[in-house]
């Protein structure tokens, strides 16, 4: 429980840029303003059948448009399996594309044809606009969350909420351990932003493009 409190506080510090030496200050933090300079650290929520995960957004015109739309109201759409590697559905609106040849990986969230949202649980190579990546722990967990093989599903995208921490205690030191921004331990980090517990218990944020 102490580790979970510590991770939540780090997320608040990361979003606001407030870090004073090794001291940790508990505070309530509002979600970040969405602009071109900080989009890489912006997250939104994706909910399916009562379960919610985090999408870490890339920085491009489409993600800024999507994030701005979600500030007005959540977006719900239907998606279905295609090609045994993705869930795809119409967003109900068009976003600005910046297509490039991409070989997708499980967890990638892709814009196709400007108005199709593709949630990958496999891999495919095509001209896409990459929106971001679902934060998940294992491929089995991702497939379960996306209801792979169960046909049409309802997907809701919504803005991330306010991060709040009321109390913090120093955690036990753990060396070279990675956690997702939602607080789940990650054994083999891929591309994205992670909380890293380094040597001597020092904590910071680690971004990889692997």
N, C-alpha and C. Protein backbone atom coordinates (compact mmCIF):
# COMPACT_ATOMS: atom_id res chain seq x y z
N UNK A 1 0.83 -1.21 0.00
CA UNK A 1 0.00 0.00 0.00
C UNK A 1 0.87 1.25 0.00
N UNK A 2 2.01 1.20 0.74
CA UNK A 2 2.89 2.35 0.75
C UNK A 2 3.47 2.61 -0.63
N UNK A 3 3.83 1.54 -1.34
CA UNK A 3 4.35 1.70 -2.68
C UNK A 3 3.31 2.34 -3.59
N UNK A 4 2.05 1.92 -3.47
CA UNK A 4 0.98 2.49 -4.31
C UNK A 4 0.84 3.98 -4.05
N UNK A 5 0.90 4.41 -2.77
CA UNK A 5 0.82 5.83 -2.43
C UNK A 5 1.99 6.58 -3.05
N UNK A 6 3.18 5.96 -2.99
CA UNK A 6 4.36 6.59 -3.54
C UNK A 6 4.23 6.79 -5.05
N UNK A 7 3.73 5.78 -5.73
CA UNK A 7 3.58 5.87 -7.19
C UNK A 7 2.58 6.95 -7.56
N UNK A 8 1.47 7.05 -6.83
CA UNK A 8 0.47 8.09 -7.11
C UNK A 8 1.06 9.47 -6.95
N UNK A 9 1.88 9.65 -5.92
CA UNK A 9 2.50 10.95 -5.70
C UNK A 9 3.46 11.29 -6.82
N UNK A 10 4.25 10.29 -7.27
CA UNK A 10 5.18 10.52 -8.36
C UNK A 10 4.45 10.96 -9.62
N UNK A 11 3.29 10.35 -9.87
CA UNK A 11 2.51 10.75 -11.03
C UNK A 11 2.08 12.20 -10.93
N UNK A 12 1.69 12.64 -9.73
CA UNK A 12 1.30 14.04 -9.53
C UNK A 12 2.49 14.96 -9.77
N UNK A 13 3.67 14.58 -9.25
CA UNK A 13 4.87 15.39 -9.43
C UNK A 13 5.22 15.48 -10.90
N UNK A 14 5.11 14.35 -11.60
CA UNK A 14 5.44 14.31 -13.02
C UNK A 14 4.55 15.23 -13.83
N UNK A 15 3.25 15.27 -13.54
CA UNK A 15 2.31 16.08 -14.31
C UNK A 15 2.50 17.57 -14.06
N UNK A 16 2.97 17.94 -12.87
CA UNK A 16 3.10 19.36 -12.54
C UNK A 16 4.53 19.85 -12.66
N UNK A 17 5.51 18.93 -12.72
CA UNK A 17 6.90 19.34 -12.79
C UNK A 17 7.45 19.78 -11.45
N UNK A 18 6.77 19.48 -10.32
CA UNK A 18 7.24 19.92 -9.01
C UNK A 18 8.03 18.82 -8.34
N UNK A 19 9.32 19.05 -8.12
CA UNK A 19 10.20 18.09 -7.47
C UNK A 19 11.24 18.88 -6.70
N UNK A 20 11.31 18.74 -5.40
CA UNK A 20 12.23 19.52 -4.59
C UNK A 20 13.23 18.58 -3.94
N UNK A 21 14.37 18.37 -4.62
CA UNK A 21 15.39 17.48 -4.10
C UNK A 21 14.86 16.09 -3.91
N UNK A 22 15.17 15.48 -2.74
CA UNK A 22 14.67 14.14 -2.44
C UNK A 22 13.39 14.19 -1.62
N UNK A 23 12.93 15.40 -1.28
CA UNK A 23 11.70 15.53 -0.48
C UNK A 23 10.48 15.38 -1.36
N UNK A 24 9.49 14.68 -0.86
CA UNK A 24 8.25 14.48 -1.59
C UNK A 24 7.15 15.26 -0.90
N UNK A 25 6.42 16.06 -1.68
CA UNK A 25 5.38 16.90 -1.11
C UNK A 25 4.03 16.42 -1.60
N UNK A 26 3.14 16.08 -0.67
CA UNK A 26 1.80 15.63 -1.04
C UNK A 26 0.94 16.83 -1.42
N UNK A 27 0.23 16.70 -2.55
CA UNK A 27 -0.62 17.79 -2.99
C UNK A 27 -1.66 17.26 -3.96
N UNK A 28 -2.70 18.06 -4.21
CA UNK A 28 -3.71 17.73 -5.21
C UNK A 28 -3.37 18.43 -6.50
N UNK A 29 -3.42 17.68 -7.61
CA UNK A 29 -2.96 18.18 -8.89
C UNK A 29 -4.07 18.03 -9.92
N UNK A 30 -4.33 19.09 -10.69
CA UNK A 30 -5.30 19.03 -11.76
C UNK A 30 -4.67 18.38 -12.99
N UNK A 31 -5.50 17.81 -13.86
CA UNK A 31 -5.00 17.21 -15.09
C UNK A 31 -4.30 18.28 -15.92
N UNK A 32 -3.25 17.91 -16.70
CA UNK A 32 -2.44 18.89 -17.43
C UNK A 32 -3.21 19.55 -18.56
N UNK A 33 -2.79 20.79 -18.88
CA UNK A 33 -3.33 21.46 -20.05
C UNK A 33 -2.80 20.77 -21.30
N UNK A 34 -3.65 20.58 -22.30
CA UNK A 34 -3.26 19.86 -23.49
C UNK A 34 -2.71 20.83 -24.52
N UNK A 35 -1.40 20.73 -24.80
CA UNK A 35 -0.81 21.54 -25.85
C UNK A 35 0.34 20.76 -26.47
N UNK A 36 0.93 21.33 -27.50
CA UNK A 36 1.94 20.60 -28.28
C UNK A 36 3.18 20.28 -27.47
N UNK A 37 3.47 21.03 -26.41
CA UNK A 37 4.71 20.82 -25.67
C UNK A 37 4.64 19.68 -24.68
N UNK A 38 3.45 19.31 -24.21
CA UNK A 38 3.39 18.28 -23.16
C UNK A 38 2.51 17.10 -23.51
N UNK A 39 2.10 16.94 -24.78
CA UNK A 39 1.20 15.86 -25.14
C UNK A 39 1.78 14.48 -24.89
N UNK A 40 3.12 14.33 -24.94
CA UNK A 40 3.71 13.00 -24.76
C UNK A 40 3.46 12.45 -23.36
N UNK A 41 3.16 13.31 -22.40
CA UNK A 41 2.89 12.84 -21.04
C UNK A 41 1.40 12.83 -20.72
N UNK A 42 0.55 13.07 -21.75
CA UNK A 42 -0.88 13.12 -21.53
C UNK A 42 -1.50 11.74 -21.67
N UNK A 43 -2.45 11.44 -20.79
CA UNK A 43 -3.14 10.16 -20.84
C UNK A 43 -4.64 10.38 -20.92
N UNK A 44 -5.33 9.40 -21.50
CA UNK A 44 -6.78 9.35 -21.47
C UNK A 44 -7.19 7.96 -21.00
N UNK A 45 -8.45 7.81 -20.67
CA UNK A 45 -8.96 6.51 -20.22
C UNK A 45 -9.69 5.79 -21.34
N UNK A 46 -9.58 4.46 -21.35
CA UNK A 46 -10.36 3.63 -22.24
C UNK A 46 -11.09 2.60 -21.38
N UNK A 47 -12.41 2.51 -21.56
CA UNK A 47 -13.23 1.63 -20.73
C UNK A 47 -14.01 0.67 -21.63
N UNK A 48 -13.99 -0.62 -21.22
CA UNK A 48 -14.71 -1.67 -21.93
C UNK A 48 -15.35 -2.57 -20.89
N UNK A 49 -16.66 -2.70 -20.96
CA UNK A 49 -17.40 -3.63 -20.10
C UNK A 49 -17.06 -3.42 -18.62
N UNK A 50 -17.02 -2.17 -18.18
CA UNK A 50 -16.80 -1.86 -16.78
C UNK A 50 -15.35 -1.84 -16.34
N UNK A 51 -14.42 -2.16 -17.23
CA UNK A 51 -13.00 -2.12 -16.88
C UNK A 51 -12.33 -0.95 -17.59
N UNK A 52 -11.37 -0.32 -16.92
CA UNK A 52 -10.72 0.88 -17.47
C UNK A 52 -9.21 0.71 -17.47
N UNK A 53 -8.59 1.12 -18.56
CA UNK A 53 -7.14 1.17 -18.69
C UNK A 53 -6.75 2.57 -19.14
N UNK A 54 -5.45 2.82 -19.15
CA UNK A 54 -4.91 4.12 -19.54
C UNK A 54 -4.29 4.03 -20.93
N UNK A 55 -4.55 5.06 -21.74
CA UNK A 55 -3.84 5.21 -23.01
C UNK A 55 -2.86 6.38 -22.87
N UNK A 56 -1.59 6.12 -23.13
CA UNK A 56 -0.57 7.18 -23.14
C UNK A 56 -0.51 7.72 -24.56
N UNK A 57 -0.86 8.98 -24.73
CA UNK A 57 -0.99 9.56 -26.06
C UNK A 57 0.35 10.01 -26.65
N UNK A 58 0.47 9.86 -27.98
CA UNK A 58 1.56 10.47 -28.71
C UNK A 58 1.27 11.97 -28.87
N UNK A 59 2.24 12.67 -29.43
CA UNK A 59 2.10 14.11 -29.65
C UNK A 59 1.93 14.37 -31.14
N UNK A 60 0.68 14.55 -31.58
CA UNK A 60 0.43 14.92 -32.97
C UNK A 60 -0.93 15.61 -33.04
N UNK A 61 -1.28 16.08 -34.24
CA UNK A 61 -2.52 16.84 -34.39
C UNK A 61 -3.74 16.01 -34.02
N UNK A 62 -3.74 14.73 -34.38
CA UNK A 62 -4.90 13.87 -34.10
C UNK A 62 -5.12 13.70 -32.60
N UNK A 63 -4.05 13.50 -31.84
CA UNK A 63 -4.22 13.30 -30.40
C UNK A 63 -4.66 14.58 -29.71
N UNK A 64 -4.18 15.72 -30.21
CA UNK A 64 -4.62 16.98 -29.62
C UNK A 64 -6.10 17.22 -29.89
N UNK A 65 -6.53 16.89 -31.10
CA UNK A 65 -7.95 17.02 -31.44
C UNK A 65 -8.81 16.07 -30.61
N UNK A 66 -8.33 14.83 -30.46
CA UNK A 66 -9.07 13.85 -29.68
C UNK A 66 -9.16 14.27 -28.21
N UNK A 67 -8.04 14.69 -27.64
CA UNK A 67 -8.04 15.11 -26.24
C UNK A 67 -8.96 16.31 -26.03
N UNK A 68 -8.95 17.24 -26.97
CA UNK A 68 -9.83 18.41 -26.85
C UNK A 68 -11.29 18.00 -26.92
N UNK A 69 -11.63 17.05 -27.79
CA UNK A 69 -13.00 16.57 -27.89
C UNK A 69 -13.44 15.89 -26.60
N UNK A 70 -12.54 15.13 -25.99
CA UNK A 70 -12.89 14.41 -24.77
C UNK A 70 -13.08 15.35 -23.59
N UNK A 71 -12.46 16.53 -23.64
CA UNK A 71 -12.70 17.52 -22.59
C UNK A 71 -14.14 18.02 -22.62
N UNK A 72 -14.78 17.91 -23.77
CA UNK A 72 -16.19 18.31 -23.89
C UNK A 72 -17.13 17.20 -23.43
N UNK A 73 -16.81 15.95 -23.80
CA UNK A 73 -17.66 14.82 -23.42
C UNK A 73 -16.95 13.52 -23.80
N UNK A 74 -17.17 12.44 -23.03
CA UNK A 74 -16.61 11.14 -23.42
C UNK A 74 -17.16 10.71 -24.78
N UNK A 75 -16.41 9.86 -25.47
CA UNK A 75 -16.82 9.33 -26.77
C UNK A 75 -16.99 7.82 -26.64
N UNK A 76 -18.16 7.32 -27.04
CA UNK A 76 -18.42 5.88 -27.04
C UNK A 76 -18.66 5.42 -28.47
N UNK A 77 -18.02 4.32 -28.83
CA UNK A 77 -18.19 3.78 -30.17
C UNK A 77 -18.14 2.25 -30.07
N UNK A 78 -18.49 1.57 -31.16
CA UNK A 78 -18.47 0.12 -31.20
C UNK A 78 -17.29 -0.37 -32.04
N UNK A 79 -16.68 -1.47 -31.59
CA UNK A 79 -15.53 -2.04 -32.28
C UNK A 79 -15.69 -3.55 -32.38
N UNK A 80 -15.07 -4.12 -33.38
CA UNK A 80 -15.15 -5.56 -33.57
C UNK A 80 -13.81 -6.11 -34.03
N UNK A 81 -13.61 -7.41 -33.89
CA UNK A 81 -12.36 -8.05 -34.29
C UNK A 81 -12.19 -8.02 -35.80
N UNK A 82 -10.94 -7.87 -36.23
CA UNK A 82 -10.64 -7.95 -37.65
C UNK A 82 -9.24 -8.54 -37.82
N UNK A 83 -9.12 -9.54 -38.70
CA UNK A 83 -7.81 -10.08 -39.06
C UNK A 83 -7.09 -10.81 -37.95
N UNK A 84 -7.77 -11.09 -36.85
CA UNK A 84 -7.16 -11.79 -35.72
C UNK A 84 -5.97 -11.03 -35.13
N UNK A 85 -5.96 -9.69 -35.30
CA UNK A 85 -4.89 -8.91 -34.68
C UNK A 85 -5.36 -7.54 -34.19
N UNK A 86 -6.65 -7.19 -34.38
CA UNK A 86 -7.09 -5.86 -33.98
C UNK A 86 -8.59 -5.83 -33.68
N UNK A 87 -8.98 -4.81 -32.89
CA UNK A 87 -10.36 -4.39 -32.73
C UNK A 87 -10.49 -3.04 -33.41
N UNK A 88 -11.46 -2.89 -34.32
CA UNK A 88 -11.57 -1.66 -35.09
C UNK A 88 -13.02 -1.17 -35.08
N UNK A 89 -13.18 0.15 -35.06
CA UNK A 89 -14.51 0.75 -35.09
C UNK A 89 -14.44 2.21 -35.48
N UNK A 90 -15.56 2.75 -35.90
CA UNK A 90 -15.64 4.15 -36.33
C UNK A 90 -15.77 5.07 -35.12
N UNK A 91 -14.93 6.09 -35.08
CA UNK A 91 -14.94 7.05 -33.99
C UNK A 91 -16.15 7.98 -34.08
N UNK A 92 -16.76 8.08 -35.26
CA UNK A 92 -17.90 8.97 -35.43
C UNK A 92 -17.52 10.40 -35.76
N UNK A 93 -16.25 10.63 -35.99
CA UNK A 93 -15.74 11.94 -36.38
C UNK A 93 -14.38 11.73 -37.04
N UNK A 94 -13.89 12.73 -37.74
CA UNK A 94 -12.59 12.63 -38.40
C UNK A 94 -11.54 13.42 -37.64
N UNK A 95 -10.33 12.90 -37.60
CA UNK A 95 -9.18 13.56 -37.00
C UNK A 95 -8.11 13.76 -38.06
N UNK A 96 -7.24 14.74 -37.86
CA UNK A 96 -6.17 15.03 -38.80
C UNK A 96 -5.16 13.89 -38.83
N UNK A 97 -4.86 13.38 -40.02
CA UNK A 97 -3.92 12.27 -40.15
C UNK A 97 -2.50 12.77 -40.36
N UNK A 98 -1.54 11.98 -39.94
CA UNK A 98 -0.11 12.18 -40.24
C UNK A 98 0.47 10.79 -40.49
N UNK A 99 -0.03 10.16 -41.54
CA UNK A 99 0.26 8.75 -41.79
C UNK A 99 1.73 8.50 -42.08
N UNK A 100 2.19 7.35 -41.60
CA UNK A 100 3.51 6.85 -41.92
C UNK A 100 3.47 5.32 -41.82
N UNK A 101 4.44 4.68 -42.47
CA UNK A 101 4.49 3.22 -42.42
C UNK A 101 4.82 2.78 -40.99
N UNK A 102 3.93 1.99 -40.40
CA UNK A 102 4.08 1.56 -39.02
C UNK A 102 3.89 0.05 -38.95
N UNK A 103 4.77 -0.63 -38.23
CA UNK A 103 4.54 -2.02 -37.86
C UNK A 103 4.06 -2.01 -36.42
N UNK A 104 2.79 -2.28 -36.23
CA UNK A 104 2.18 -2.13 -34.92
C UNK A 104 2.59 -3.25 -33.97
N UNK A 105 2.42 -2.98 -32.68
CA UNK A 105 2.66 -3.93 -31.62
C UNK A 105 1.41 -4.02 -30.75
N UNK A 106 1.22 -5.12 -30.01
CA UNK A 106 0.07 -5.20 -29.11
C UNK A 106 0.00 -4.00 -28.17
N UNK A 107 -1.19 -3.46 -28.03
CA UNK A 107 -1.40 -2.28 -27.19
C UNK A 107 -1.43 -0.98 -27.95
N UNK A 108 -0.95 -0.97 -29.21
CA UNK A 108 -0.97 0.26 -29.99
C UNK A 108 -2.40 0.70 -30.29
N UNK A 109 -2.62 2.01 -30.22
CA UNK A 109 -3.90 2.63 -30.57
C UNK A 109 -3.65 3.47 -31.81
N UNK A 110 -4.35 3.12 -32.91
CA UNK A 110 -4.02 3.65 -34.23
C UNK A 110 -5.24 4.33 -34.84
N UNK A 111 -5.00 5.41 -35.59
CA UNK A 111 -6.03 6.06 -36.40
C UNK A 111 -5.88 5.59 -37.84
N UNK A 112 -6.97 5.06 -38.41
CA UNK A 112 -6.96 4.57 -39.78
C UNK A 112 -8.04 5.30 -40.58
N UNK A 113 -7.67 5.78 -41.76
CA UNK A 113 -8.59 6.49 -42.64
C UNK A 113 -9.18 7.75 -41.99
N UNK A 114 -8.54 8.24 -40.96
CA UNK A 114 -8.97 9.49 -40.34
C UNK A 114 -10.10 9.37 -39.34
N UNK A 115 -10.88 8.26 -39.42
CA UNK A 115 -12.04 8.16 -38.52
C UNK A 115 -12.23 6.78 -37.91
N UNK A 116 -11.28 5.88 -38.14
CA UNK A 116 -11.35 4.53 -37.57
C UNK A 116 -10.32 4.40 -36.45
N UNK A 117 -10.77 3.95 -35.28
CA UNK A 117 -9.85 3.68 -34.17
C UNK A 117 -9.55 2.18 -34.17
N UNK A 118 -8.25 1.85 -34.18
CA UNK A 118 -7.82 0.46 -34.19
C UNK A 118 -7.05 0.17 -32.91
N UNK A 119 -7.50 -0.85 -32.16
CA UNK A 119 -6.86 -1.30 -30.93
C UNK A 119 -6.18 -2.62 -31.24
N UNK A 120 -4.86 -2.63 -31.21
CA UNK A 120 -4.11 -3.82 -31.64
C UNK A 120 -3.81 -4.76 -30.48
N UNK A 121 -4.06 -6.05 -30.72
CA UNK A 121 -3.58 -7.10 -29.82
C UNK A 121 -2.63 -8.03 -30.56
N UNK A 122 -2.34 -7.69 -31.82
CA UNK A 122 -1.36 -8.38 -32.64
C UNK A 122 -0.55 -7.36 -33.40
N UNK A 123 -0.02 -7.74 -34.56
CA UNK A 123 0.86 -6.85 -35.31
C UNK A 123 0.42 -6.78 -36.77
N UNK A 124 0.58 -5.58 -37.35
CA UNK A 124 0.29 -5.38 -38.77
C UNK A 124 1.12 -4.20 -39.25
N UNK A 125 1.46 -4.20 -40.53
CA UNK A 125 2.25 -3.12 -41.11
C UNK A 125 1.42 -2.41 -42.16
N UNK A 126 1.25 -1.06 -41.98
CA UNK A 126 0.44 -0.27 -42.91
C UNK A 126 0.73 1.21 -42.69
N UNK A 127 0.14 2.06 -43.53
CA UNK A 127 0.25 3.50 -43.32
C UNK A 127 -0.82 3.95 -42.33
N UNK A 128 -0.39 4.30 -41.12
CA UNK A 128 -1.29 4.67 -40.04
C UNK A 128 -0.85 5.98 -39.42
N UNK A 129 -1.75 6.55 -38.62
CA UNK A 129 -1.40 7.62 -37.68
C UNK A 129 -1.47 7.03 -36.28
N UNK A 130 -0.37 7.05 -35.57
CA UNK A 130 -0.34 6.46 -34.24
C UNK A 130 -0.88 7.44 -33.21
N UNK A 131 -1.87 6.99 -32.42
CA UNK A 131 -2.46 7.83 -31.38
C UNK A 131 -1.79 7.62 -30.03
N UNK A 132 -1.42 6.40 -29.72
CA UNK A 132 -0.82 6.14 -28.41
C UNK A 132 -0.75 4.65 -28.15
N UNK A 133 -0.72 4.34 -26.85
CA UNK A 133 -0.51 2.95 -26.45
C UNK A 133 -1.28 2.66 -25.17
N UNK A 134 -2.00 1.53 -25.15
CA UNK A 134 -2.70 1.10 -23.94
C UNK A 134 -1.68 0.61 -22.93
N UNK A 135 -1.82 1.06 -21.70
CA UNK A 135 -0.97 0.59 -20.61
C UNK A 135 -1.49 -0.76 -20.13
N UNK A 136 -0.71 -1.82 -20.37
CA UNK A 136 -1.14 -3.15 -19.95
C UNK A 136 0.04 -3.93 -19.42
N UNK A 137 -0.26 -5.02 -18.70
CA UNK A 137 0.79 -5.79 -18.03
C UNK A 137 1.23 -7.00 -18.81
N UNK A 138 0.31 -7.71 -19.44
CA UNK A 138 0.65 -8.91 -20.20
C UNK A 138 -0.28 -9.01 -21.41
N UNK A 139 0.13 -9.79 -22.41
CA UNK A 139 -0.69 -9.94 -23.61
C UNK A 139 -2.02 -10.60 -23.28
N UNK A 140 -2.00 -11.57 -22.39
CA UNK A 140 -3.26 -12.22 -21.99
C UNK A 140 -4.21 -11.22 -21.35
N UNK A 141 -3.66 -10.34 -20.51
CA UNK A 141 -4.50 -9.32 -19.87
C UNK A 141 -5.08 -8.38 -20.91
N UNK A 142 -4.26 -7.97 -21.89
CA UNK A 142 -4.72 -7.08 -22.94
C UNK A 142 -5.85 -7.72 -23.75
N UNK A 143 -5.67 -8.97 -24.13
CA UNK A 143 -6.70 -9.66 -24.92
C UNK A 143 -7.98 -9.82 -24.13
N UNK A 144 -7.86 -10.08 -22.85
CA UNK A 144 -9.04 -10.19 -22.00
C UNK A 144 -9.76 -8.85 -21.92
N UNK A 145 -9.01 -7.77 -21.76
CA UNK A 145 -9.60 -6.44 -21.67
C UNK A 145 -10.32 -6.06 -22.96
N UNK A 146 -9.74 -6.42 -24.11
CA UNK A 146 -10.32 -6.08 -25.41
C UNK A 146 -11.40 -7.07 -25.85
N UNK A 147 -11.66 -8.08 -25.02
CA UNK A 147 -12.70 -9.08 -25.36
C UNK A 147 -12.42 -9.72 -26.72
N UNK A 148 -11.18 -10.14 -26.91
CA UNK A 148 -10.77 -10.71 -28.19
C UNK A 148 -11.59 -11.97 -28.48
N UNK A 149 -12.11 -12.05 -29.70
CA UNK A 149 -12.87 -13.20 -30.14
C UNK A 149 -14.32 -13.21 -29.70
N UNK A 150 -14.76 -12.14 -29.01
CA UNK A 150 -16.13 -12.10 -28.50
C UNK A 150 -17.02 -11.15 -29.30
N UNK A 151 -16.55 -10.77 -30.49
CA UNK A 151 -17.40 -9.98 -31.36
C UNK A 151 -17.42 -8.50 -31.02
N UNK A 152 -18.56 -7.87 -31.30
CA UNK A 152 -18.71 -6.43 -31.16
C UNK A 152 -18.71 -6.01 -29.69
N UNK A 153 -17.97 -4.95 -29.38
CA UNK A 153 -17.90 -4.42 -28.02
C UNK A 153 -18.16 -2.92 -28.05
N UNK A 154 -18.51 -2.37 -26.90
CA UNK A 154 -18.67 -0.93 -26.73
C UNK A 154 -17.43 -0.37 -26.04
N UNK A 155 -16.84 0.65 -26.64
CA UNK A 155 -15.61 1.26 -26.13
C UNK A 155 -15.90 2.71 -25.77
N UNK A 156 -15.48 3.13 -24.59
CA UNK A 156 -15.64 4.53 -24.17
C UNK A 156 -14.28 5.15 -23.91
N UNK A 157 -14.03 6.27 -24.55
CA UNK A 157 -12.83 7.07 -24.32
C UNK A 157 -13.21 8.28 -23.48
N UNK A 158 -12.41 8.58 -22.46
CA UNK A 158 -12.72 9.70 -21.58
C UNK A 158 -11.42 10.32 -21.09
N UNK A 159 -11.48 11.58 -20.64
CA UNK A 159 -10.26 12.21 -20.12
C UNK A 159 -9.85 11.60 -18.80
N UNK A 160 -8.55 11.62 -18.54
CA UNK A 160 -8.06 11.15 -17.25
C UNK A 160 -8.53 12.08 -16.16
N UNK A 161 -8.72 11.54 -14.95
CA UNK A 161 -9.21 12.34 -13.83
C UNK A 161 -8.10 13.07 -13.11
N UNK A 162 -8.49 13.67 -11.99
CA UNK A 162 -7.55 14.41 -11.15
C UNK A 162 -6.78 13.45 -10.27
N UNK A 163 -5.46 13.67 -10.20
CA UNK A 163 -4.63 12.86 -9.31
C UNK A 163 -4.56 13.55 -7.96
N UNK A 164 -4.78 12.81 -6.87
CA UNK A 164 -4.76 13.40 -5.54
C UNK A 164 -4.07 12.48 -4.56
N UNK A 165 -3.20 13.06 -3.71
CA UNK A 165 -2.51 12.28 -2.70
C UNK A 165 -2.61 13.02 -1.38
N UNK A 166 -3.05 12.33 -0.34
CA UNK A 166 -3.20 12.99 0.94
C UNK A 166 -2.08 12.70 1.92
N UNK A 167 -1.39 11.57 1.76
CA UNK A 167 -0.35 11.20 2.71
C UNK A 167 0.67 10.34 2.01
N UNK A 168 1.93 10.44 2.39
CA UNK A 168 2.99 9.65 1.77
C UNK A 168 3.94 9.15 2.83
N UNK A 169 4.39 7.92 2.67
CA UNK A 169 5.42 7.34 3.52
C UNK A 169 6.55 6.85 2.62
N UNK A 170 7.79 6.86 3.12
CA UNK A 170 8.91 6.40 2.31
C UNK A 170 8.78 4.91 2.07
N UNK A 171 8.87 4.46 0.81
CA UNK A 171 8.73 3.03 0.52
C UNK A 171 10.03 2.29 0.75
N UNK A 172 9.97 0.98 0.74
CA UNK A 172 11.16 0.16 0.80
C UNK A 172 11.90 0.31 -0.52
N UNK A 173 13.23 0.32 -0.48
CA UNK A 173 14.01 0.49 -1.69
C UNK A 173 13.90 -0.75 -2.57
N UNK A 174 13.71 -0.52 -3.88
CA UNK A 174 13.71 -1.60 -4.86
C UNK A 174 14.58 -1.16 -6.02
N UNK A 175 15.49 -2.02 -6.48
CA UNK A 175 16.42 -1.65 -7.52
C UNK A 175 15.92 -2.05 -8.89
N UNK A 176 16.00 -1.08 -9.84
CA UNK A 176 15.70 -1.34 -11.25
C UNK A 176 14.36 -2.03 -11.45
N UNK A 177 13.32 -1.47 -10.83
CA UNK A 177 11.96 -1.96 -10.98
C UNK A 177 11.14 -0.91 -11.72
N UNK A 178 10.31 -1.36 -12.66
CA UNK A 178 9.51 -0.45 -13.47
C UNK A 178 8.04 -0.61 -13.13
N UNK A 179 7.33 0.54 -13.13
CA UNK A 179 5.89 0.55 -12.92
C UNK A 179 5.25 1.40 -14.00
N UNK A 180 4.05 1.01 -14.43
CA UNK A 180 3.30 1.82 -15.38
C UNK A 180 2.77 3.06 -14.66
N UNK A 181 2.26 4.03 -15.44
CA UNK A 181 1.73 5.25 -14.84
C UNK A 181 0.46 5.00 -14.04
N UNK A 182 -0.15 3.82 -14.23
CA UNK A 182 -1.33 3.47 -13.42
C UNK A 182 -0.94 2.65 -12.20
N UNK A 183 0.38 2.42 -11.98
CA UNK A 183 0.84 1.77 -10.76
C UNK A 183 1.05 0.29 -10.83
N UNK A 184 0.97 -0.32 -12.05
CA UNK A 184 1.19 -1.76 -12.17
C UNK A 184 2.64 -2.04 -12.50
N UNK A 185 3.20 -3.06 -11.86
CA UNK A 185 4.59 -3.42 -12.11
C UNK A 185 4.73 -3.99 -13.52
N UNK A 186 5.81 -3.59 -14.22
CA UNK A 186 6.06 -4.02 -15.58
C UNK A 186 7.40 -4.74 -15.63
N UNK A 187 7.38 -6.01 -16.01
CA UNK A 187 8.61 -6.80 -16.04
C UNK A 187 9.48 -6.45 -17.24
N UNK A 188 8.85 -6.22 -18.40
CA UNK A 188 9.61 -5.95 -19.62
C UNK A 188 9.04 -4.72 -20.31
N UNK A 189 9.49 -3.53 -19.92
CA UNK A 189 8.94 -2.31 -20.49
C UNK A 189 9.19 -2.21 -21.99
N UNK A 190 8.16 -1.77 -22.74
CA UNK A 190 8.30 -1.51 -24.16
C UNK A 190 8.28 0.00 -24.36
N UNK A 191 7.77 0.47 -25.50
CA UNK A 191 7.77 1.92 -25.76
C UNK A 191 6.74 2.61 -24.88
N UNK A 192 7.16 3.67 -24.20
CA UNK A 192 6.24 4.41 -23.35
C UNK A 192 6.96 5.10 -22.21
N UNK A 193 6.20 5.55 -21.23
CA UNK A 193 6.73 6.26 -20.06
C UNK A 193 6.47 5.41 -18.82
N UNK A 194 7.49 5.22 -17.99
CA UNK A 194 7.39 4.36 -16.82
C UNK A 194 7.97 5.06 -15.60
N UNK A 195 7.53 4.63 -14.43
CA UNK A 195 8.16 5.00 -13.17
C UNK A 195 9.24 3.97 -12.89
N UNK A 196 10.44 4.42 -12.63
CA UNK A 196 11.56 3.52 -12.41
C UNK A 196 12.12 3.69 -11.00
N UNK A 197 12.19 2.57 -10.26
CA UNK A 197 12.85 2.54 -8.96
C UNK A 197 14.28 2.08 -9.20
N UNK A 198 15.23 2.98 -9.08
CA UNK A 198 16.61 2.67 -9.44
C UNK A 198 17.43 2.22 -8.25
N UNK A 199 18.75 2.28 -8.42
CA UNK A 199 19.65 1.88 -7.35
C UNK A 199 19.49 2.74 -6.12
N UNK A 200 19.64 2.15 -4.95
CA UNK A 200 19.50 2.84 -3.66
C UNK A 200 18.11 3.42 -3.45
N UNK A 201 17.11 2.87 -4.17
CA UNK A 201 15.74 3.32 -3.99
C UNK A 201 15.42 4.65 -4.64
N UNK A 202 16.34 5.19 -5.44
CA UNK A 202 16.06 6.48 -6.10
C UNK A 202 14.99 6.28 -7.16
N UNK A 203 14.08 7.24 -7.25
CA UNK A 203 12.91 7.10 -8.10
C UNK A 203 12.86 8.22 -9.13
N UNK A 204 12.48 7.86 -10.35
CA UNK A 204 12.33 8.85 -11.39
C UNK A 204 11.49 8.31 -12.52
N UNK A 205 11.39 9.08 -13.61
CA UNK A 205 10.59 8.66 -14.75
C UNK A 205 11.52 8.27 -15.89
N UNK A 206 11.12 7.24 -16.61
CA UNK A 206 11.94 6.67 -17.67
C UNK A 206 11.10 6.55 -18.92
N UNK A 207 11.57 7.12 -20.04
CA UNK A 207 10.84 7.03 -21.30
C UNK A 207 11.66 6.23 -22.29
N UNK A 208 11.06 5.21 -22.87
CA UNK A 208 11.76 4.39 -23.84
C UNK A 208 11.00 4.38 -25.15
N UNK A 209 11.72 4.34 -26.25
CA UNK A 209 11.12 4.23 -27.58
C UNK A 209 11.36 2.85 -28.17
N UNK A 210 11.60 1.86 -27.32
CA UNK A 210 11.89 0.50 -27.75
C UNK A 210 10.75 -0.06 -28.60
